[in-house]
Amino acid sequence: WISEAADKLNARILLIKTCVAICPLI
C-alpha cells in the first residue's frame, strides 16, 4: 500500500524534471 501511494505521489515528476532540463537546451 505504501509503494502504491508512493508511485502515485511520484507520478510525472520525471517528466517535469525532463522539461526543466530541456528548457536551457532549447
PDB file of all heavy atoms in Angstrom:
ATOM      1  N   TRP A   1       0.830  -1.204   0.000  1.00  0.00           N
ATOM      2  CA  TRP A   1       0.000   0.000   0.000  1.00  0.00           C
ATOM      3  C   TRP A   1       0.869   1.260   0.000  1.00  0.00           C
ATOM      4  O   TRP A   1       0.567   2.229  -0.699  1.00  0.00           O
ATOM      5  CB  TRP A   1      -0.933   0.010   1.205  1.00  0.00           C
ATOM      6  CG  TRP A   1      -2.045  -1.000   1.123  1.00  0.00           C
ATOM      7  CD1 TRP A   1      -2.465  -1.677   0.005  1.00  0.00           C
ATOM      8  CD2 TRP A   1      -2.869  -1.444   2.193  1.00  0.00           C
ATOM      9  NE1 TRP A   1      -3.499  -2.510   0.333  1.00  0.00           N
ATOM     10  CE2 TRP A   1      -3.775  -2.391   1.665  1.00  0.00           C
ATOM     11  CE3 TRP A   1      -2.935  -1.143   3.539  1.00  0.00           C
ATOM     12  CZ2 TRP A   1      -4.738  -3.029   2.431  1.00  0.00           C
ATOM     13  CZ3 TRP A   1      -3.894  -1.777   4.310  1.00  0.00           C
ATOM     14  CH2 TRP A   1      -4.787  -2.703   3.770  1.00  0.00           C
ATOM     15  N   ILE A   2       1.936   1.251   0.779  1.00  0.00           N
ATOM     16  CA  ILE A   2       2.853   2.401   0.803  1.00  0.00           C
ATOM     17  C   ILE A   2       3.505   2.580  -0.564  1.00  0.00           C
ATOM     18  O   ILE A   2       3.630   3.701  -1.065  1.00  0.00           O
ATOM     19  CB  ILE A   2       3.904   2.235   1.920  1.00  0.00           C
ATOM     20  CG1 ILE A   2       3.242   2.352   3.291  1.00  0.00           C
ATOM     21  CG2 ILE A   2       5.022   3.250   1.770  1.00  0.00           C
ATOM     22  CD1 ILE A   2       4.134   1.956   4.455  1.00  0.00           C
ATOM     23  N   SER A   3       3.884   1.487  -1.188  1.00  0.00           N
ATOM     24  CA  SER A   3       4.514   1.549  -2.505  1.00  0.00           C
ATOM     25  C   SER A   3       3.554   2.098  -3.561  1.00  0.00           C
ATOM     26  O   SER A   3       3.940   2.914  -4.403  1.00  0.00           O
ATOM     27  CB  SER A   3       5.000   0.160  -2.905  1.00  0.00           C
ATOM     28  OG  SER A   3       5.602   0.191  -4.158  1.00  0.00           O
ATOM     29  N   GLU A   4       2.305   1.650  -3.521  1.00  0.00           N
ATOM     30  CA  GLU A   4       1.301   2.171  -4.469  1.00  0.00           C
ATOM     31  C   GLU A   4       1.102   3.671  -4.274  1.00  0.00           C
ATOM     32  O   GLU A   4       1.011   4.424  -5.244  1.00  0.00           O
ATOM     33  CB  GLU A   4      -0.025   1.445  -4.282  1.00  0.00           C
ATOM     34  CG  GLU A   4      -0.032   0.034  -4.801  1.00  0.00           C
ATOM     35  CD  GLU A   4      -1.322  -0.702  -4.454  1.00  0.00           C
ATOM     36  OE1 GLU A   4      -2.302  -0.046  -4.029  1.00  0.00           O
ATOM     37  OE2 GLU A   4      -1.353  -1.932  -4.611  1.00  0.00           O
ATOM     38  N   ALA A   5       1.015   4.092  -3.039  1.00  0.00           N
ATOM     39  CA  ALA A   5       0.844   5.524  -2.759  1.00  0.00           C
ATOM     40  C   ALA A   5       2.065   6.313  -3.225  1.00  0.00           C
ATOM     41  O   ALA A   5       1.927   7.392  -3.806  1.00  0.00           O
ATOM     42  CB  ALA A   5       0.594   5.748  -1.271  1.00  0.00           C
ATOM     43  N   ALA A   6       3.262   5.774  -2.996  1.00  0.00           N
ATOM     44  CA  ALA A   6       4.490   6.447  -3.426  1.00  0.00           C
ATOM     45  C   ALA A   6       4.536   6.563  -4.949  1.00  0.00           C
ATOM     46  O   ALA A   6       4.970   7.595  -5.483  1.00  0.00           O
ATOM     47  CB  ALA A   6       5.717   5.703  -2.911  1.00  0.00           C
ATOM     48  N   ASP A   7       4.095   5.513  -5.651  1.00  0.00           N
ATOM     49  CA  ASP A   7       4.051   5.581  -7.110  1.00  0.00           C
ATOM     50  C   ASP A   7       3.121   6.694  -7.585  1.00  0.00           C
ATOM     51  O   ASP A   7       3.440   7.434  -8.513  1.00  0.00           O
ATOM     52  CB  ASP A   7       3.591   4.250  -7.708  1.00  0.00           C
ATOM     53  CG  ASP A   7       4.680   3.205  -7.708  1.00  0.00           C
ATOM     54  OD1 ASP A   7       5.861   3.560  -7.476  1.00  0.00           O
ATOM     55  OD2 ASP A   7       4.349   2.025  -7.929  1.00  0.00           O
ATOM     56  N   LYS A   8       1.972   6.795  -6.947  1.00  0.00           N
ATOM     57  CA  LYS A   8       1.026   7.853  -7.333  1.00  0.00           C
ATOM     58  C   LYS A   8       1.567   9.234  -6.974  1.00  0.00           C
ATOM     59  O   LYS A   8       1.348  10.203  -7.684  1.00  0.00           O
ATOM     60  CB  LYS A   8      -0.333   7.612  -6.702  1.00  0.00           C
ATOM     61  CG  LYS A   8      -1.027   6.424  -7.338  1.00  0.00           C
ATOM     62  CD  LYS A   8      -2.381   6.153  -6.727  1.00  0.00           C
ATOM     63  CE  LYS A   8      -2.991   4.928  -7.385  1.00  0.00           C
ATOM     64  NZ  LYS A   8      -4.231   4.527  -6.787  1.00  0.00           N
ATOM     65  N   LEU A   9       2.267   9.328  -5.849  1.00  0.00           N
ATOM     66  CA  LEU A   9       2.856  10.610  -5.457  1.00  0.00           C
ATOM     67  C   LEU A   9       3.957  11.043  -6.424  1.00  0.00           C
ATOM     68  O   LEU A   9       4.085  12.233  -6.739  1.00  0.00           O
ATOM     69  CB  LEU A   9       3.437  10.520  -4.043  1.00  0.00           C
ATOM     70  CG  LEU A   9       2.449  10.570  -2.894  1.00  0.00           C
ATOM     71  CD1 LEU A   9       3.132  10.171  -1.598  1.00  0.00           C
ATOM     72  CD2 LEU A   9       1.835  11.944  -2.776  1.00  0.00           C
ATOM     73  N   ASN A  10       4.751  10.101  -6.893  1.00  0.00           N
ATOM     74  CA  ASN A  10       5.885  10.418  -7.762  1.00  0.00           C
ATOM     75  C   ASN A  10       5.535  10.447  -9.244  1.00  0.00           C
ATOM     76  O   ASN A  10       6.417  10.663 -10.075  1.00  0.00           O
ATOM     77  CB  ASN A  10       7.018   9.405  -7.532  1.00  0.00           C
ATOM     78  CG  ASN A  10       7.687   9.619  -6.203  1.00  0.00           C
ATOM     79  OD1 ASN A  10       7.975  10.737  -5.818  1.00  0.00           O
ATOM     80  ND2 ASN A  10       7.919   8.533  -5.483  1.00  0.00           N
ATOM     81  N   ALA A  11       4.278  10.236  -9.574  1.00  0.00           N
ATOM     82  CA  ALA A  11       3.865  10.227 -10.981  1.00  0.00           C
ATOM     83  C   ALA A  11       4.188  11.575 -11.636  1.00  0.00           C
ATOM     84  O   ALA A  11       3.985  12.635 -11.054  1.00  0.00           O
ATOM     85  CB  ALA A  11       2.371   9.943 -11.086  1.00  0.00           C
ATOM     86  N   ARG A  12       4.727  11.507 -12.818  1.00  0.00           N
ATOM     87  CA  ARG A  12       5.036  12.658 -13.682  1.00  0.00           C
ATOM     88  C   ARG A  12       6.163  13.560 -13.179  1.00  0.00           C
ATOM     89  O   ARG A  12       6.465  14.557 -13.809  1.00  0.00           O
ATOM     90  CB  ARG A  12       3.771  13.464 -13.971  1.00  0.00           C
ATOM     91  CG  ARG A  12       2.832  12.719 -14.896  1.00  0.00           C
ATOM     92  CD  ARG A  12       1.590  13.484 -15.202  1.00  0.00           C
ATOM     93  NE  ARG A  12       0.567  13.451 -14.181  1.00  0.00           N
ATOM     94  CZ  ARG A  12      -0.140  12.386 -13.822  1.00  0.00           C
ATOM     95  NH1 ARG A  12       0.083  11.236 -14.355  1.00  0.00           N
ATOM     96  NH2 ARG A  12      -1.071  12.462 -12.906  1.00  0.00           N
ATOM     97  N   ILE A  13       6.777  13.246 -12.057  1.00  0.00           N
ATOM     98  CA  ILE A  13       7.878  14.085 -11.581  1.00  0.00           C
ATOM     99  C   ILE A  13       9.068  13.981 -12.538  1.00  0.00           C
ATOM    100  O   ILE A  13       9.734  14.979 -12.817  1.00  0.00           O
ATOM    101  CB  ILE A  13       8.253  13.747 -10.125  1.00  0.00           C
ATOM    102  CG1 ILE A  13       7.151  14.268  -9.207  1.00  0.00           C
ATOM    103  CG2 ILE A  13       9.599  14.343  -9.747  1.00  0.00           C
ATOM    104  CD1 ILE A  13       7.389  14.092  -7.744  1.00  0.00           C
ATOM    105  N   LEU A  14       9.321  12.792 -13.066  1.00  0.00           N
ATOM    106  CA  LEU A  14      10.410  12.632 -14.024  1.00  0.00           C
ATOM    107  C   LEU A  14      10.157  13.445 -15.290  1.00  0.00           C
ATOM    108  O   LEU A  14      11.077  14.068 -15.838  1.00  0.00           O
ATOM    109  CB  LEU A  14      10.609  11.150 -14.368  1.00  0.00           C
ATOM    110  CG  LEU A  14      11.807  10.819 -15.245  1.00  0.00           C
ATOM    111  CD1 LEU A  14      13.108  11.283 -14.578  1.00  0.00           C
ATOM    112  CD2 LEU A  14      11.865   9.336 -15.531  1.00  0.00           C
ATOM    113  N   LEU A  15       8.906  13.486 -15.737  1.00  0.00           N
ATOM    114  CA  LEU A  15       8.565  14.294 -16.914  1.00  0.00           C
ATOM    115  C   LEU A  15       8.760  15.788 -16.629  1.00  0.00           C
ATOM    116  O   LEU A  15       9.249  16.534 -17.481  1.00  0.00           O
ATOM    117  CB  LEU A  15       7.129  14.006 -17.344  1.00  0.00           C
ATOM    118  CG  LEU A  15       6.624  14.699 -18.602  1.00  0.00           C
ATOM    119  CD1 LEU A  15       7.522  14.376 -19.799  1.00  0.00           C
ATOM    120  CD2 LEU A  15       5.198  14.290 -18.897  1.00  0.00           C
ATOM    121  N   ILE A  16       8.411  16.217 -15.430  1.00  0.00           N
ATOM    122  CA  ILE A  16       8.619  17.614 -15.043  1.00  0.00           C
ATOM    123  C   ILE A  16      10.111  17.937 -15.035  1.00  0.00           C
ATOM    124  O   ILE A  16      10.540  18.968 -15.570  1.00  0.00           O
ATOM    125  CB  ILE A  16       7.981  17.902 -13.668  1.00  0.00           C
ATOM    126  CG1 ILE A  16       6.461  17.793 -13.747  1.00  0.00           C
ATOM    127  CG2 ILE A  16       8.391  19.281 -13.157  1.00  0.00           C
ATOM    128  CD1 ILE A  16       5.761  17.792 -12.401  1.00  0.00           C
ATOM    129  N   LYS A  17      10.915  17.040 -14.459  1.00  0.00           N
ATOM    130  CA  LYS A  17      12.365  17.265 -14.432  1.00  0.00           C
ATOM    131  C   LYS A  17      12.948  17.287 -15.847  1.00  0.00           C
ATOM    132  O   LYS A  17      13.891  18.035 -16.120  1.00  0.00           O
ATOM    133  CB  LYS A  17      13.051  16.175 -13.608  1.00  0.00           C
ATOM    134  CG  LYS A  17      12.847  16.309 -12.130  1.00  0.00           C
ATOM    135  CD  LYS A  17      13.517  15.144 -11.430  1.00  0.00           C
ATOM    136  CE  LYS A  17      13.970  15.514 -10.063  1.00  0.00           C
ATOM    137  NZ  LYS A  17      14.708  14.424  -9.420  1.00  0.00           N
ATOM    138  N   THR A  18      12.391  16.479 -16.734  1.00  0.00           N
ATOM    139  CA  THR A  18      12.841  16.484 -18.125  1.00  0.00           C
ATOM    140  C   THR A  18      12.531  17.825 -18.784  1.00  0.00           C
ATOM    141  O   THR A  18      13.372  18.367 -19.516  1.00  0.00           O
ATOM    142  CB  THR A  18      12.184  15.329 -18.900  1.00  0.00           C
ATOM    143  OG1 THR A  18      12.512  14.098 -18.264  1.00  0.00           O
ATOM    144  CG2 THR A  18      12.644  15.295 -20.340  1.00  0.00           C
ATOM    145  N   CYS A  19      11.353  18.371 -18.521  1.00  0.00           N
ATOM    146  CA  CYS A  19      11.007  19.693 -19.064  1.00  0.00           C
ATOM    147  C   CYS A  19      11.962  20.763 -18.530  1.00  0.00           C
ATOM    148  O   CYS A  19      12.382  21.649 -19.280  1.00  0.00           O
ATOM    149  CB  CYS A  19       9.563  20.063 -18.727  1.00  0.00           C
ATOM    150  SG  CYS A  19       8.335  19.133 -19.646  1.00  0.00           S
ATOM    151  N   VAL A  20      12.289  20.674 -17.245  1.00  0.00           N
ATOM    152  CA  VAL A  20      13.224  21.632 -16.645  1.00  0.00           C
ATOM    153  C   VAL A  20      14.582  21.530 -17.335  1.00  0.00           C
ATOM    154  O   VAL A  20      15.204  22.542 -17.668  1.00  0.00           O
ATOM    155  CB  VAL A  20      13.363  21.395 -15.123  1.00  0.00           C
ATOM    156  CG1 VAL A  20      14.521  22.178 -14.544  1.00  0.00           C
ATOM    157  CG2 VAL A  20      12.071  21.762 -14.408  1.00  0.00           C
ATOM    158  N   ALA A  21      15.034  20.307 -17.572  1.00  0.00           N
ATOM    159  CA  ALA A  21      16.350  20.110 -18.179  1.00  0.00           C
ATOM    160  C   ALA A  21      16.379  20.499 -19.652  1.00  0.00           C
ATOM    161  O   ALA A  21      17.417  20.933 -20.166  1.00  0.00           O
ATOM    162  CB  ALA A  21      16.775  18.651 -18.022  1.00  0.00           C
ATOM    163  N   ILE A  22      15.249  20.367 -20.319  1.00  0.00           N
ATOM    164  CA  ILE A  22      15.233  20.616 -21.755  1.00  0.00           C
ATOM    165  C   ILE A  22      15.121  22.110 -22.099  1.00  0.00           C
ATOM    166  O   ILE A  22      15.560  22.518 -23.179  1.00  0.00           O
ATOM    167  CB  ILE A  22      14.108  19.783 -22.412  1.00  0.00           C
ATOM    168  CG1 ILE A  22      14.558  19.252 -23.731  1.00  0.00           C
ATOM    169  CG2 ILE A  22      12.843  20.538 -22.584  1.00  0.00           C
ATOM    170  CD1 ILE A  22      13.659  18.183 -24.288  1.00  0.00           C
ATOM    171  N   CYS A  23      14.579  22.907 -21.204  1.00  0.00           N
ATOM    172  CA  CYS A  23      14.406  24.344 -21.491  1.00  0.00           C
ATOM    173  C   CYS A  23      15.720  25.042 -21.835  1.00  0.00           C
ATOM    174  O   CYS A  23      15.783  25.760 -22.845  1.00  0.00           O
ATOM    175  CB  CYS A  23      13.702  25.038 -20.328  1.00  0.00           C
ATOM    176  SG  CYS A  23      11.930  24.750 -20.300  1.00  0.00           S
ATOM    177  N   PRO A  24      16.793  24.889 -21.060  1.00  0.00           N
ATOM    178  CA  PRO A  24      18.045  25.547 -21.449  1.00  0.00           C
ATOM    179  C   PRO A  24      18.604  25.009 -22.769  1.00  0.00           C
ATOM    180  O   PRO A  24      19.223  25.761 -23.531  1.00  0.00           O
ATOM    181  CB  PRO A  24      19.007  25.245 -20.307  1.00  0.00           C
ATOM    182  CG  PRO A  24      18.185  24.777 -19.188  1.00  0.00           C
ATOM    183  CD  PRO A  24      16.913  24.250 -19.755  1.00  0.00           C
ATOM    184  N   LEU A  25      18.368  23.737 -23.043  1.00  0.00           N
ATOM    185  CA  LEU A  25      18.855  23.169 -24.298  1.00  0.00           C
ATOM    186  C   LEU A  25      18.128  23.770 -25.496  1.00  0.00           C
ATOM    187  O   LEU A  25      18.732  24.023 -26.542  1.00  0.00           O
ATOM    188  CB  LEU A  25      18.710  21.650 -24.278  1.00  0.00           C
ATOM    189  CG  LEU A  25      19.518  20.933 -23.202  1.00  0.00           C
ATOM    190  CD1 LEU A  25      19.210  19.451 -23.203  1.00  0.00           C
ATOM    191  CD2 LEU A  25      20.991  21.192 -23.392  1.00  0.00           C
ATOM    192  N   ILE A  26      16.832  23.984 -25.340  1.00  0.00           N
ATOM    193  CA  ILE A  26      16.080  24.647 -26.408  1.00  0.00           C
ATOM    194  C   ILE A  26      16.599  26.076 -26.577  1.00  0.00           C
ATOM    195  O   ILE A  26      16.738  26.573 -27.702  1.00  0.00           O
ATOM    196  CB  ILE A  26      14.565  24.633 -26.102  1.00  0.00           C
ATOM    197  CG1 ILE A  26      14.039  23.197 -26.053  1.00  0.00           C
ATOM    198  CG2 ILE A  26      13.798  25.427 -27.145  1.00  0.00           C
ATOM    199  CD1 ILE A  26      12.639  23.081 -25.480  1.00  0.00           C
TER     200      ILE A  26
END
